[in-house]
Amino acid sequence: MSTTQHPMFPYSIPARIADLHGKMAYLSDKDVAERLGLTELQRNELSAAVTAVNQANAKAEEKETRSKLDVFNRREAIREAHVVFRRVINICVANNPDAIPEDYEALSVPRPGYKTPLPVPAKAPGVSLDSGMIRRTTVVFYDADGNKRGKPHGVSGAVVRWAIRDTPPTDINELIHAALDSASPFHIDFTEEQRGKRVYLCLAWQNPKGKNGPWSEILSTLIQ
């Protein structure tokens, strides 16, 4: 069963507590509180919620004396604190014309009309070729940093360019065939007449806006 995480808060208990402390510290700044129109009542609500979490966490961390109820109470205190913070933050930040970008970032609130930029992939994919099957070449691509099959975050897939040639290409444009594959591996099938010839390939990651990153080195393999 999957767990849905609210984007305003992280999931693990230590991270959630640290996140509450960070948001409390940010909202405690006098200039921030004035800019966002945070009232004394709201500040007291937030402070009380954090205090309840701290007290419940202290009991739950006592390994020698803690009970299941202490662990449950900590979870409930964190949940209730998130409800309070979400309500106050949404009132004071969301659609507040006085809120600045730093407020949205520090409090994990999506900015109205703001779209997260999609960077161009910075590195080429890792590539390995398998021509063990007759009339087929299998192209395995992966995140070169992670060395695992598949694509890294922020890309829609890998652009594969290839061509059957008698001599190695000197330019990417000489690889006349191209395809975009969203999941590794990519298969290229050939005809009986193409067996024994050499196919040259290279790949690049592409982001959702169609921008390609750097190309991998040009690889080649014999068609079986």
N, C-alpha and C. Protein backbone atom coordinates (compact mmCIF):
# COMPACT_ATOMS: atom_id res chain seq x y z
N MET A 1 0.86 -1.20 0.00
CA MET A 1 0.00 0.00 0.00
C MET A 1 0.88 1.23 0.00
N SER A 2 0.60 2.18 -0.87
CA SER A 2 1.40 3.38 -0.97
C SER A 2 0.94 4.42 0.04
N THR A 3 1.87 5.28 0.44
CA THR A 3 1.57 6.35 1.39
C THR A 3 1.69 7.68 0.69
N THR A 4 0.66 8.50 0.77
CA THR A 4 0.68 9.81 0.15
C THR A 4 1.24 10.83 1.13
N GLN A 5 2.25 11.54 0.71
CA GLN A 5 2.90 12.53 1.57
C GLN A 5 2.45 13.92 1.16
N HIS A 6 2.01 14.71 2.12
CA HIS A 6 1.63 16.08 1.82
C HIS A 6 2.89 16.85 1.45
N PRO A 7 2.86 17.63 0.33
CA PRO A 7 4.07 18.30 -0.12
C PRO A 7 4.61 19.32 0.86
N MET A 8 3.80 19.78 1.82
CA MET A 8 4.26 20.81 2.74
C MET A 8 5.17 20.23 3.82
N PHE A 9 5.13 18.92 4.04
CA PHE A 9 5.89 18.33 5.13
C PHE A 9 6.58 17.05 4.68
N PRO A 10 7.79 16.75 5.21
CA PRO A 10 8.47 15.49 4.91
C PRO A 10 7.81 14.35 5.65
N TYR A 11 8.29 13.12 5.40
CA TYR A 11 7.59 11.96 5.92
C TYR A 11 8.16 11.39 7.21
N SER A 12 9.49 11.21 7.30
CA SER A 12 10.05 10.56 8.48
C SER A 12 9.84 11.42 9.73
N ILE A 13 9.74 10.76 10.88
CA ILE A 13 9.47 11.49 12.13
C ILE A 13 10.57 12.50 12.45
N PRO A 14 11.86 12.13 12.45
CA PRO A 14 12.88 13.15 12.74
C PRO A 14 12.84 14.32 11.75
N ALA A 15 12.62 14.02 10.48
CA ALA A 15 12.57 15.08 9.47
C ALA A 15 11.36 15.97 9.67
N ARG A 16 10.24 15.38 10.06
CA ARG A 16 9.03 16.17 10.26
C ARG A 16 9.18 17.10 11.47
N ILE A 17 9.81 16.60 12.53
CA ILE A 17 10.03 17.44 13.71
C ILE A 17 11.00 18.57 13.37
N ALA A 18 12.09 18.24 12.68
CA ALA A 18 13.05 19.28 12.28
C ALA A 18 12.39 20.31 11.37
N ASP A 19 11.50 19.85 10.51
CA ASP A 19 10.80 20.77 9.60
C ASP A 19 9.90 21.72 10.37
N LEU A 20 9.22 21.21 11.38
CA LEU A 20 8.37 22.07 12.22
C LEU A 20 9.22 23.12 12.94
N HIS A 21 10.37 22.70 13.46
CA HIS A 21 11.26 23.64 14.15
C HIS A 21 11.74 24.72 13.18
N GLY A 22 12.09 24.31 11.96
CA GLY A 22 12.56 25.27 10.98
C GLY A 22 11.50 26.29 10.60
N LYS A 23 10.27 25.82 10.40
CA LYS A 23 9.18 26.73 10.06
C LYS A 23 8.84 27.65 11.24
N MET A 24 8.91 27.10 12.45
CA MET A 24 8.64 27.92 13.64
C MET A 24 9.69 29.02 13.77
N ALA A 25 10.95 28.66 13.55
CA ALA A 25 12.02 29.66 13.65
C ALA A 25 11.84 30.74 12.60
N TYR A 26 11.44 30.34 11.39
CA TYR A 26 11.26 31.33 10.32
C TYR A 26 10.12 32.28 10.65
N LEU A 27 9.01 31.74 11.12
CA LEU A 27 7.85 32.56 11.43
C LEU A 27 8.03 33.38 12.69
N SER A 28 9.02 33.03 13.51
CA SER A 28 9.28 33.80 14.73
C SER A 28 10.05 35.07 14.45
N ASP A 29 10.61 35.19 13.26
CA ASP A 29 11.32 36.41 12.90
C ASP A 29 10.33 37.58 12.84
N LYS A 30 10.68 38.68 13.49
CA LYS A 30 9.75 39.81 13.60
C LYS A 30 9.35 40.36 12.23
N ASP A 31 10.33 40.53 11.34
CA ASP A 31 10.03 41.08 10.02
C ASP A 31 9.14 40.15 9.21
N VAL A 32 9.39 38.85 9.30
CA VAL A 32 8.56 37.87 8.58
C VAL A 32 7.13 37.90 9.11
N ALA A 33 7.00 37.90 10.45
CA ALA A 33 5.67 37.89 11.06
C ALA A 33 4.88 39.14 10.66
N GLU A 34 5.54 40.28 10.64
CA GLU A 34 4.84 41.52 10.25
C GLU A 34 4.46 41.50 8.78
N ARG A 35 5.36 41.03 7.92
CA ARG A 35 5.07 41.00 6.49
C ARG A 35 3.90 40.08 6.16
N LEU A 36 3.82 38.96 6.87
CA LEU A 36 2.78 37.98 6.58
C LEU A 36 1.50 38.23 7.38
N GLY A 37 1.54 39.21 8.28
CA GLY A 37 0.36 39.51 9.08
C GLY A 37 0.04 38.43 10.10
N LEU A 38 1.08 37.79 10.63
CA LEU A 38 0.88 36.73 11.62
C LEU A 38 0.43 37.34 12.94
N THR A 39 -0.71 36.91 13.44
CA THR A 39 -1.25 37.48 14.67
C THR A 39 -0.62 36.81 15.89
N GLU A 40 -0.79 37.45 17.04
CA GLU A 40 -0.29 36.88 18.29
C GLU A 40 -0.96 35.55 18.58
N LEU A 41 -2.26 35.46 18.29
CA LEU A 41 -2.98 34.21 18.52
C LEU A 41 -2.41 33.10 17.65
N GLN A 42 -2.11 33.40 16.40
CA GLN A 42 -1.54 32.39 15.51
C GLN A 42 -0.15 31.97 15.97
N ARG A 43 0.67 32.93 16.40
CA ARG A 43 2.00 32.59 16.91
C ARG A 43 1.89 31.69 18.13
N ASN A 44 0.95 31.97 19.00
CA ASN A 44 0.76 31.14 20.19
C ASN A 44 0.31 29.73 19.81
N GLU A 45 -0.56 29.63 18.81
CA GLU A 45 -1.01 28.31 18.33
C GLU A 45 0.17 27.49 17.83
N LEU A 46 1.01 28.12 17.01
CA LEU A 46 2.16 27.42 16.46
C LEU A 46 3.13 27.00 17.56
N SER A 47 3.39 27.92 18.49
CA SER A 47 4.32 27.62 19.58
C SER A 47 3.81 26.48 20.45
N ALA A 48 2.51 26.50 20.74
CA ALA A 48 1.92 25.43 21.57
C ALA A 48 2.01 24.09 20.85
N ALA A 49 1.81 24.09 19.54
CA ALA A 49 1.88 22.85 18.77
C ALA A 49 3.29 22.27 18.79
N VAL A 50 4.30 23.14 18.64
CA VAL A 50 5.69 22.68 18.67
C VAL A 50 6.07 22.18 20.07
N THR A 51 5.62 22.88 21.09
CA THR A 51 5.90 22.44 22.47
C THR A 51 5.31 21.06 22.73
N ALA A 52 4.09 20.83 22.26
CA ALA A 52 3.45 19.52 22.45
C ALA A 52 4.24 18.43 21.74
N VAL A 53 4.76 18.73 20.55
CA VAL A 53 5.56 17.76 19.81
C VAL A 53 6.86 17.47 20.57
N ASN A 54 7.51 18.51 21.07
CA ASN A 54 8.77 18.33 21.79
C ASN A 54 8.58 17.46 23.03
N GLN A 55 7.51 17.70 23.75
CA GLN A 55 7.25 16.94 24.97
C GLN A 55 6.94 15.48 24.64
N ALA A 56 6.11 15.27 23.62
CA ALA A 56 5.75 13.90 23.24
C ALA A 56 6.96 13.17 22.69
N ASN A 57 7.81 13.89 21.95
CA ASN A 57 9.00 13.25 21.38
C ASN A 57 9.99 12.85 22.48
N ALA A 58 10.12 13.68 23.50
CA ALA A 58 11.03 13.37 24.60
C ALA A 58 10.63 12.06 25.28
N LYS A 59 9.35 11.86 25.48
CA LYS A 59 8.88 10.61 26.10
C LYS A 59 9.10 9.42 25.17
N ALA A 60 8.82 9.61 23.89
CA ALA A 60 8.94 8.50 22.94
C ALA A 60 10.39 8.10 22.70
N GLU A 61 11.33 9.01 22.98
CA GLU A 61 12.75 8.71 22.77
C GLU A 61 13.38 8.03 23.97
N GLU A 62 12.67 7.95 25.10
CA GLU A 62 13.18 7.25 26.28
C GLU A 62 13.01 5.75 26.10
N LYS A 63 14.04 5.10 25.55
CA LYS A 63 13.91 3.69 25.18
C LYS A 63 13.64 2.77 26.37
N GLU A 64 14.12 3.14 27.55
CA GLU A 64 13.96 2.28 28.72
C GLU A 64 12.56 2.38 29.31
N THR A 65 11.91 3.51 29.14
CA THR A 65 10.62 3.72 29.83
C THR A 65 9.44 3.96 28.88
N ARG A 66 9.68 4.16 27.61
CA ARG A 66 8.59 4.51 26.71
C ARG A 66 7.62 3.35 26.52
N SER A 67 6.39 3.69 26.26
CA SER A 67 5.36 2.69 25.99
C SER A 67 4.84 2.90 24.57
N LYS A 68 4.00 1.98 24.14
CA LYS A 68 3.37 2.13 22.82
C LYS A 68 2.51 3.38 22.78
N LEU A 69 1.93 3.71 23.93
CA LEU A 69 1.10 4.91 23.99
C LEU A 69 1.96 6.17 23.78
N ASP A 70 3.18 6.17 24.32
CA ASP A 70 4.07 7.31 24.13
C ASP A 70 4.41 7.50 22.65
N VAL A 71 4.66 6.39 21.96
CA VAL A 71 4.97 6.46 20.52
C VAL A 71 3.75 6.95 19.75
N PHE A 72 2.58 6.44 20.11
CA PHE A 72 1.33 6.88 19.47
C PHE A 72 1.09 8.37 19.72
N ASN A 73 1.31 8.82 20.96
CA ASN A 73 1.08 10.23 21.29
C ASN A 73 2.01 11.15 20.51
N ARG A 74 3.24 10.70 20.30
CA ARG A 74 4.16 11.51 19.49
C ARG A 74 3.65 11.65 18.07
N ARG A 75 3.21 10.56 17.49
CA ARG A 75 2.68 10.59 16.13
C ARG A 75 1.47 11.52 16.03
N GLU A 76 0.60 11.45 17.02
CA GLU A 76 -0.59 12.30 17.02
C GLU A 76 -0.22 13.77 17.22
N ALA A 77 0.77 14.03 18.06
CA ALA A 77 1.20 15.42 18.28
C ALA A 77 1.77 16.02 17.00
N ILE A 78 2.54 15.22 16.28
CA ILE A 78 3.10 15.68 15.01
C ILE A 78 1.98 15.93 14.00
N ARG A 79 1.04 15.00 13.94
CA ARG A 79 -0.08 15.17 13.00
C ARG A 79 -0.87 16.43 13.31
N GLU A 80 -1.18 16.64 14.58
CA GLU A 80 -1.96 17.82 14.97
C GLU A 80 -1.17 19.11 14.71
N ALA A 81 0.15 19.07 14.94
CA ALA A 81 0.97 20.25 14.67
C ALA A 81 0.97 20.58 13.18
N HIS A 82 1.01 19.56 12.35
CA HIS A 82 0.96 19.79 10.91
C HIS A 82 -0.35 20.44 10.50
N VAL A 83 -1.43 20.02 11.13
CA VAL A 83 -2.73 20.62 10.82
C VAL A 83 -2.71 22.11 11.15
N VAL A 84 -2.17 22.44 12.33
CA VAL A 84 -2.11 23.85 12.76
C VAL A 84 -1.21 24.65 11.82
N PHE A 85 -0.02 24.13 11.54
CA PHE A 85 0.91 24.85 10.67
C PHE A 85 0.33 25.02 9.27
N ARG A 86 -0.29 23.97 8.74
CA ARG A 86 -0.85 24.06 7.39
C ARG A 86 -1.92 25.14 7.32
N ARG A 87 -2.77 25.16 8.35
CA ARG A 87 -3.86 26.15 8.36
C ARG A 87 -3.31 27.57 8.44
N VAL A 88 -2.38 27.80 9.38
CA VAL A 88 -1.83 29.15 9.56
C VAL A 88 -1.03 29.58 8.33
N ILE A 89 -0.21 28.69 7.80
CA ILE A 89 0.61 29.03 6.64
C ILE A 89 -0.27 29.34 5.42
N ASN A 90 -1.29 28.56 5.22
CA ASN A 90 -2.17 28.82 4.08
C ASN A 90 -2.88 30.17 4.21
N ILE A 91 -3.24 30.54 5.43
CA ILE A 91 -3.91 31.83 5.64
C ILE A 91 -2.94 32.98 5.41
N CYS A 92 -1.71 32.85 5.93
CA CYS A 92 -0.77 33.97 5.93
C CYS A 92 0.09 34.07 4.68
N VAL A 93 0.27 32.96 3.96
CA VAL A 93 1.21 32.97 2.84
C VAL A 93 0.51 32.81 1.50
N ALA A 94 -0.31 31.77 1.39
CA ALA A 94 -0.93 31.48 0.10
C ALA A 94 -1.75 32.67 -0.39
N ASN A 95 -1.42 33.16 -1.59
CA ASN A 95 -2.12 34.28 -2.22
C ASN A 95 -2.00 35.60 -1.44
N ASN A 96 -1.01 35.67 -0.54
CA ASN A 96 -0.76 36.92 0.17
C ASN A 96 0.12 37.80 -0.72
N PRO A 97 -0.37 38.96 -1.15
CA PRO A 97 0.42 39.81 -2.06
C PRO A 97 1.71 40.33 -1.44
N ASP A 98 1.81 40.31 -0.09
CA ASP A 98 3.02 40.79 0.57
C ASP A 98 4.07 39.70 0.74
N ALA A 99 3.68 38.45 0.49
CA ALA A 99 4.63 37.34 0.63
C ALA A 99 5.68 37.42 -0.46
N ILE A 100 6.92 37.14 -0.11
CA ILE A 100 8.03 37.18 -1.06
C ILE A 100 8.45 35.74 -1.39
N PRO A 101 9.23 35.54 -2.45
CA PRO A 101 9.63 34.17 -2.82
C PRO A 101 10.27 33.39 -1.69
N GLU A 102 11.04 34.07 -0.83
CA GLU A 102 11.69 33.38 0.29
C GLU A 102 10.67 32.79 1.25
N ASP A 103 9.53 33.46 1.42
CA ASP A 103 8.48 32.93 2.29
C ASP A 103 7.94 31.62 1.75
N TYR A 104 7.65 31.60 0.47
CA TYR A 104 7.11 30.38 -0.15
C TYR A 104 8.10 29.23 -0.05
N GLU A 105 9.38 29.55 -0.27
CA GLU A 105 10.40 28.50 -0.24
C GLU A 105 10.61 27.98 1.18
N ALA A 106 10.74 28.89 2.15
CA ALA A 106 11.02 28.48 3.53
C ALA A 106 9.86 27.69 4.13
N LEU A 107 8.63 28.00 3.69
CA LEU A 107 7.45 27.37 4.27
C LEU A 107 6.84 26.31 3.37
N SER A 108 7.55 25.97 2.29
CA SER A 108 7.16 24.87 1.38
C SER A 108 5.76 25.08 0.80
N VAL A 109 5.48 26.29 0.37
CA VAL A 109 4.19 26.60 -0.23
C VAL A 109 4.39 26.89 -1.72
N PRO A 110 3.64 26.23 -2.61
CA PRO A 110 3.77 26.51 -4.04
C PRO A 110 3.42 27.97 -4.34
N ARG A 111 4.24 28.62 -5.13
CA ARG A 111 3.99 30.01 -5.50
C ARG A 111 2.92 30.07 -6.58
N PRO A 112 1.93 30.96 -6.44
CA PRO A 112 0.87 31.07 -7.45
C PRO A 112 1.44 31.41 -8.82
N GLY A 113 1.06 30.62 -9.80
CA GLY A 113 1.50 30.86 -11.17
C GLY A 113 2.95 30.52 -11.42
N TYR A 114 3.63 29.93 -10.43
CA TYR A 114 5.05 29.64 -10.59
C TYR A 114 5.23 28.19 -11.03
N LYS A 115 6.00 28.00 -12.07
CA LYS A 115 6.29 26.67 -12.56
C LYS A 115 7.77 26.36 -12.31
N THR A 116 7.99 25.20 -11.73
CA THR A 116 9.36 24.80 -11.45
C THR A 116 10.14 24.67 -12.76
N PRO A 117 11.28 25.33 -12.88
CA PRO A 117 12.04 25.24 -14.12
C PRO A 117 12.52 23.82 -14.38
N LEU A 118 12.57 23.46 -15.65
CA LEU A 118 13.03 22.13 -16.04
C LEU A 118 14.43 22.26 -16.63
N PRO A 119 15.44 21.93 -15.85
CA PRO A 119 16.81 22.09 -16.36
C PRO A 119 17.12 21.11 -17.48
N VAL A 120 18.03 21.52 -18.36
CA VAL A 120 18.51 20.61 -19.39
C VAL A 120 19.41 19.58 -18.71
N PRO A 121 19.26 18.30 -19.04
CA PRO A 121 20.12 17.28 -18.42
C PRO A 121 21.59 17.64 -18.57
N ALA A 122 22.32 17.46 -17.49
CA ALA A 122 23.72 17.91 -17.45
C ALA A 122 24.70 16.83 -17.89
N LYS A 123 24.28 15.57 -17.84
CA LYS A 123 25.20 14.48 -18.16
C LYS A 123 24.57 13.53 -19.18
N ALA A 124 25.43 12.82 -19.88
CA ALA A 124 24.96 11.82 -20.83
C ALA A 124 24.57 10.54 -20.08
N PRO A 125 23.66 9.77 -20.65
CA PRO A 125 23.32 8.49 -20.01
C PRO A 125 24.45 7.48 -20.13
N GLY A 126 24.47 6.55 -19.17
CA GLY A 126 25.32 5.39 -19.34
C GLY A 126 24.66 4.44 -20.33
N VAL A 127 25.45 3.74 -21.12
CA VAL A 127 24.91 2.90 -22.19
C VAL A 127 25.66 1.57 -22.23
N SER A 128 24.91 0.50 -22.40
CA SER A 128 25.52 -0.79 -22.71
C SER A 128 24.70 -1.46 -23.80
N LEU A 129 25.38 -2.23 -24.67
CA LEU A 129 24.73 -2.86 -25.82
C LEU A 129 24.79 -4.37 -25.70
N ASP A 130 23.71 -5.01 -26.15
CA ASP A 130 23.65 -6.47 -26.17
C ASP A 130 23.15 -6.90 -27.55
N SER A 131 24.01 -7.58 -28.30
CA SER A 131 23.64 -8.06 -29.63
C SER A 131 23.59 -9.58 -29.68
N GLY A 132 23.28 -10.18 -28.55
CA GLY A 132 23.26 -11.63 -28.49
C GLY A 132 22.10 -12.27 -29.22
N MET A 133 21.04 -11.52 -29.46
CA MET A 133 19.87 -12.06 -30.15
C MET A 133 19.99 -11.80 -31.65
N ILE A 134 19.60 -12.77 -32.46
CA ILE A 134 19.66 -12.62 -33.91
C ILE A 134 18.75 -11.48 -34.37
N ARG A 135 19.32 -10.61 -35.21
CA ARG A 135 18.61 -9.49 -35.83
C ARG A 135 18.06 -8.49 -34.82
N ARG A 136 18.64 -8.43 -33.65
CA ARG A 136 18.18 -7.45 -32.65
C ARG A 136 19.37 -6.96 -31.81
N THR A 137 19.41 -5.65 -31.60
CA THR A 137 20.35 -5.05 -30.66
C THR A 137 19.56 -4.43 -29.52
N THR A 138 19.91 -4.77 -28.31
CA THR A 138 19.26 -4.23 -27.12
C THR A 138 20.14 -3.14 -26.53
N VAL A 139 19.55 -1.96 -26.36
CA VAL A 139 20.28 -0.80 -25.84
C VAL A 139 19.79 -0.55 -24.41
N VAL A 140 20.66 -0.76 -23.46
CA VAL A 140 20.34 -0.51 -22.05
C VAL A 140 20.91 0.85 -21.68
N PHE A 141 20.05 1.74 -21.19
CA PHE A 141 20.53 3.05 -20.76
C PHE A 141 20.18 3.27 -19.30
N TYR A 142 20.97 4.09 -18.62
CA TYR A 142 20.81 4.25 -17.17
C TYR A 142 21.46 5.55 -16.72
N ASP A 143 21.13 5.93 -15.52
CA ASP A 143 21.73 7.10 -14.89
C ASP A 143 23.19 6.77 -14.61
N ALA A 144 24.09 7.46 -15.28
CA ALA A 144 25.51 7.14 -15.13
C ALA A 144 26.01 7.34 -13.71
N ASP A 145 25.38 8.26 -12.96
CA ASP A 145 25.78 8.49 -11.57
C ASP A 145 25.35 7.34 -10.68
N GLY A 146 24.13 6.83 -10.92
CA GLY A 146 23.60 5.76 -10.08
C GLY A 146 23.94 4.38 -10.56
N ASN A 147 24.35 4.26 -11.85
CA ASN A 147 24.71 2.98 -12.45
C ASN A 147 23.57 1.97 -12.37
N LYS A 148 22.32 2.47 -12.45
CA LYS A 148 21.16 1.58 -12.43
C LYS A 148 20.35 1.81 -13.70
N ARG A 149 19.71 0.75 -14.18
CA ARG A 149 18.89 0.88 -15.37
C ARG A 149 17.76 1.87 -15.12
N GLY A 150 17.48 2.71 -16.10
CA GLY A 150 16.41 3.68 -15.96
C GLY A 150 16.92 5.09 -16.12
N LYS A 151 16.02 6.03 -15.93
CA LYS A 151 16.34 7.44 -16.17
C LYS A 151 16.41 8.20 -14.85
N PRO A 152 17.19 9.27 -14.80
CA PRO A 152 17.25 10.08 -13.59
C PRO A 152 16.04 10.98 -13.48
N HIS A 153 15.89 11.61 -12.32
CA HIS A 153 14.77 12.52 -12.10
C HIS A 153 14.86 13.72 -13.05
N GLY A 154 13.71 14.15 -13.57
CA GLY A 154 13.65 15.36 -14.38
C GLY A 154 13.83 15.15 -15.87
N VAL A 155 13.91 13.91 -16.32
CA VAL A 155 14.00 13.65 -17.76
C VAL A 155 12.80 12.82 -18.19
N SER A 156 12.38 12.98 -19.45
CA SER A 156 11.26 12.22 -19.97
C SER A 156 11.70 10.93 -20.63
N GLY A 157 12.95 10.87 -21.03
CA GLY A 157 13.45 9.66 -21.65
C GLY A 157 14.80 9.88 -22.29
N ALA A 158 15.23 8.89 -23.06
CA ALA A 158 16.51 8.97 -23.76
C ALA A 158 16.27 9.02 -25.26
N VAL A 159 16.95 9.94 -25.92
CA VAL A 159 16.95 10.00 -27.38
C VAL A 159 18.03 9.04 -27.87
N VAL A 160 17.63 8.12 -28.74
CA VAL A 160 18.57 7.15 -29.31
C VAL A 160 18.75 7.47 -30.79
N ARG A 161 19.99 7.65 -31.20
CA ARG A 161 20.29 7.86 -32.62
C ARG A 161 21.19 6.72 -33.09
N TRP A 162 20.92 6.22 -34.30
CA TRP A 162 21.71 5.11 -34.80
C TRP A 162 21.71 5.09 -36.33
N ALA A 163 22.66 4.34 -36.88
CA ALA A 163 22.76 4.15 -38.32
C ALA A 163 23.66 2.96 -38.60
N ILE A 164 23.37 2.25 -39.67
CA ILE A 164 24.24 1.19 -40.15
C ILE A 164 25.22 1.83 -41.13
N ARG A 165 26.51 1.66 -40.87
CA ARG A 165 27.52 2.33 -41.69
C ARG A 165 28.72 1.42 -41.93
N ASP A 166 29.41 1.69 -43.03
CA ASP A 166 30.64 0.97 -43.34
C ASP A 166 31.83 1.57 -42.60
N THR A 167 31.73 2.86 -42.27
CA THR A 167 32.81 3.55 -41.57
C THR A 167 32.24 4.28 -40.36
N PRO A 168 33.05 4.53 -39.34
CA PRO A 168 32.55 5.25 -38.16
C PRO A 168 32.10 6.66 -38.54
N PRO A 169 31.01 7.14 -37.92
CA PRO A 169 30.55 8.50 -38.21
C PRO A 169 31.48 9.52 -37.58
N THR A 170 31.54 10.68 -38.19
CA THR A 170 32.34 11.78 -37.65
C THR A 170 31.47 12.86 -37.03
N ASP A 171 30.15 12.70 -37.17
CA ASP A 171 29.21 13.70 -36.66
C ASP A 171 27.93 13.00 -36.24
N ILE A 172 27.28 13.52 -35.19
CA ILE A 172 26.03 12.94 -34.70
C ILE A 172 24.97 12.90 -35.80
N ASN A 173 24.96 13.90 -36.65
CA ASN A 173 23.93 13.98 -37.69
C ASN A 173 24.04 12.87 -38.72
N GLU A 174 25.15 12.16 -38.74
CA GLU A 174 25.30 11.03 -39.65
C GLU A 174 24.56 9.80 -39.13
N LEU A 175 24.10 9.86 -37.88
CA LEU A 175 23.25 8.79 -37.34
C LEU A 175 21.82 9.16 -37.70
N ILE A 176 21.33 8.61 -38.80
CA ILE A 176 20.13 9.13 -39.46
C ILE A 176 18.82 8.67 -38.83
N HIS A 177 18.85 7.66 -37.99
CA HIS A 177 17.63 7.17 -37.34
C HIS A 177 17.59 7.70 -35.90
N ALA A 178 16.38 8.01 -35.42
CA ALA A 178 16.25 8.54 -34.06
C ALA A 178 14.93 8.11 -33.45
N ALA A 179 14.94 7.93 -32.14
CA ALA A 179 13.72 7.59 -31.41
C ALA A 179 13.88 8.05 -29.97
N LEU A 180 12.75 8.32 -29.31
CA LEU A 180 12.74 8.66 -27.90
C LEU A 180 12.11 7.51 -27.13
N ASP A 181 12.85 6.99 -26.16
CA ASP A 181 12.35 5.88 -25.36
C ASP A 181 12.28 6.31 -23.90
N SER A 182 11.13 6.07 -23.27
CA SER A 182 10.93 6.52 -21.90
C SER A 182 11.40 5.52 -20.86
N ALA A 183 11.69 4.29 -21.28
CA ALA A 183 12.09 3.26 -20.32
C ALA A 183 13.09 2.32 -20.96
N SER A 184 14.15 2.03 -20.24
CA SER A 184 15.16 1.08 -20.70
C SER A 184 14.63 -0.34 -20.53
N PRO A 185 14.99 -1.27 -21.46
CA PRO A 185 15.89 -1.12 -22.60
C PRO A 185 15.15 -0.72 -23.87
N PHE A 186 15.94 -0.28 -24.88
CA PHE A 186 15.42 0.06 -26.19
C PHE A 186 15.90 -1.02 -27.16
N HIS A 187 14.98 -1.51 -28.01
CA HIS A 187 15.33 -2.59 -28.94
C HIS A 187 15.33 -2.06 -30.37
N ILE A 188 16.36 -2.43 -31.12
CA ILE A 188 16.42 -2.12 -32.55
C ILE A 188 16.43 -3.44 -33.31
N ASP A 189 15.44 -3.63 -34.16
CA ASP A 189 15.34 -4.86 -34.95
C ASP A 189 15.84 -4.62 -36.38
N PHE A 190 16.48 -5.64 -36.93
CA PHE A 190 17.07 -5.53 -38.26
C PHE A 190 16.55 -6.64 -39.17
N THR A 191 16.86 -6.51 -40.44
CA THR A 191 16.44 -7.51 -41.42
C THR A 191 17.54 -8.56 -41.58
N GLU A 192 17.19 -9.63 -42.23
CA GLU A 192 18.17 -10.69 -42.48
C GLU A 192 19.35 -10.16 -43.30
N GLU A 193 19.06 -9.26 -44.25
CA GLU A 193 20.11 -8.73 -45.11
C GLU A 193 21.10 -7.84 -44.35
N GLN A 194 20.70 -7.33 -43.19
CA GLN A 194 21.56 -6.43 -42.43
C GLN A 194 22.49 -7.16 -41.46
N ARG A 195 22.33 -8.46 -41.34
CA ARG A 195 23.18 -9.24 -40.43
C ARG A 195 24.64 -9.16 -40.88
N GLY A 196 25.54 -9.03 -39.91
CA GLY A 196 26.96 -8.93 -40.19
C GLY A 196 27.45 -7.51 -40.41
N LYS A 197 26.52 -6.56 -40.51
CA LYS A 197 26.90 -5.17 -40.66
C LYS A 197 27.07 -4.53 -39.27
N ARG A 198 27.63 -3.34 -39.25
CA ARG A 198 27.89 -2.67 -37.98
C ARG A 198 26.93 -1.50 -37.81
N VAL A 199 26.33 -1.43 -36.64
CA VAL A 199 25.45 -0.32 -36.32
C VAL A 199 26.13 0.57 -35.28
N TYR A 200 26.03 1.88 -35.48
CA TYR A 200 26.61 2.88 -34.59
C TYR A 200 25.48 3.60 -33.85
N LEU A 201 25.69 3.85 -32.57
CA LEU A 201 24.64 4.46 -31.75
C LEU A 201 25.22 5.47 -30.77
N CYS A 202 24.38 6.42 -30.38
CA CYS A 202 24.67 7.27 -29.23
C CYS A 202 23.35 7.73 -28.64
N LEU A 203 23.39 8.17 -27.38
CA LEU A 203 22.17 8.54 -26.67
C LEU A 203 22.36 9.85 -25.91
N ALA A 204 21.23 10.51 -25.64
CA ALA A 204 21.22 11.70 -24.80
C ALA A 204 19.91 11.72 -24.02
N TRP A 205 19.95 12.22 -22.79
CA TRP A 205 18.72 12.41 -22.03
C TRP A 205 17.95 13.60 -22.61
N GLN A 206 16.62 13.55 -22.51
CA GLN A 206 15.78 14.66 -22.96
C GLN A 206 14.82 15.02 -21.84
N ASN A 207 14.67 16.33 -21.56
CA ASN A 207 13.73 16.75 -20.52
C ASN A 207 12.32 16.89 -21.10
N PRO A 208 11.29 17.10 -20.27
CA PRO A 208 9.91 17.17 -20.77
C PRO A 208 9.65 18.29 -21.76
N LYS A 209 10.55 19.27 -21.85
CA LYS A 209 10.38 20.34 -22.83
C LYS A 209 11.09 20.05 -24.15
N GLY A 210 11.63 18.85 -24.27
CA GLY A 210 12.27 18.47 -25.52
C GLY A 210 13.71 18.92 -25.67
N LYS A 211 14.34 19.36 -24.58
CA LYS A 211 15.72 19.80 -24.62
C LYS A 211 16.65 18.63 -24.30
N ASN A 212 17.61 18.41 -25.18
CA ASN A 212 18.54 17.31 -24.99
C ASN A 212 19.76 17.74 -24.18
N GLY A 213 20.27 16.79 -23.40
CA GLY A 213 21.53 16.98 -22.71
C GLY A 213 22.67 16.56 -23.61
N PRO A 214 23.88 16.42 -23.08
CA PRO A 214 25.03 16.01 -23.90
C PRO A 214 24.89 14.58 -24.40
N TRP A 215 25.50 14.33 -25.54
CA TRP A 215 25.44 12.99 -26.14
C TRP A 215 26.50 12.09 -25.52
N SER A 216 26.18 10.83 -25.46
CA SER A 216 27.16 9.84 -25.02
C SER A 216 28.19 9.65 -26.13
N GLU A 217 29.24 8.92 -25.82
CA GLU A 217 30.17 8.56 -26.88
C GLU A 217 29.46 7.65 -27.87
N ILE A 218 29.91 7.66 -29.11
CA ILE A 218 29.32 6.81 -30.14
C ILE A 218 29.84 5.39 -29.97
N LEU A 219 28.92 4.46 -29.80
CA LEU A 219 29.25 3.05 -29.63
C LEU A 219 28.87 2.29 -30.89
N SER A 220 29.40 1.09 -31.03
CA SER A 220 29.05 0.28 -32.19
C SER A 220 29.01 -1.20 -31.81
N THR A 221 28.27 -1.96 -32.61
CA THR A 221 28.18 -3.39 -32.39
C THR A 221 27.82 -4.06 -33.71
N LEU A 222 28.21 -5.32 -33.86
CA LEU A 222 27.86 -6.08 -35.06
C LEU A 222 26.44 -6.64 -34.93
N ILE A 223 25.69 -6.59 -36.01
CA ILE A 223 24.35 -7.15 -36.03
C ILE A 223 24.46 -8.65 -36.25
N GLN A 224 23.92 -9.43 -35.34
CA GLN A 224 24.03 -10.89 -35.42
C GLN A 224 22.96 -11.50 -36.32
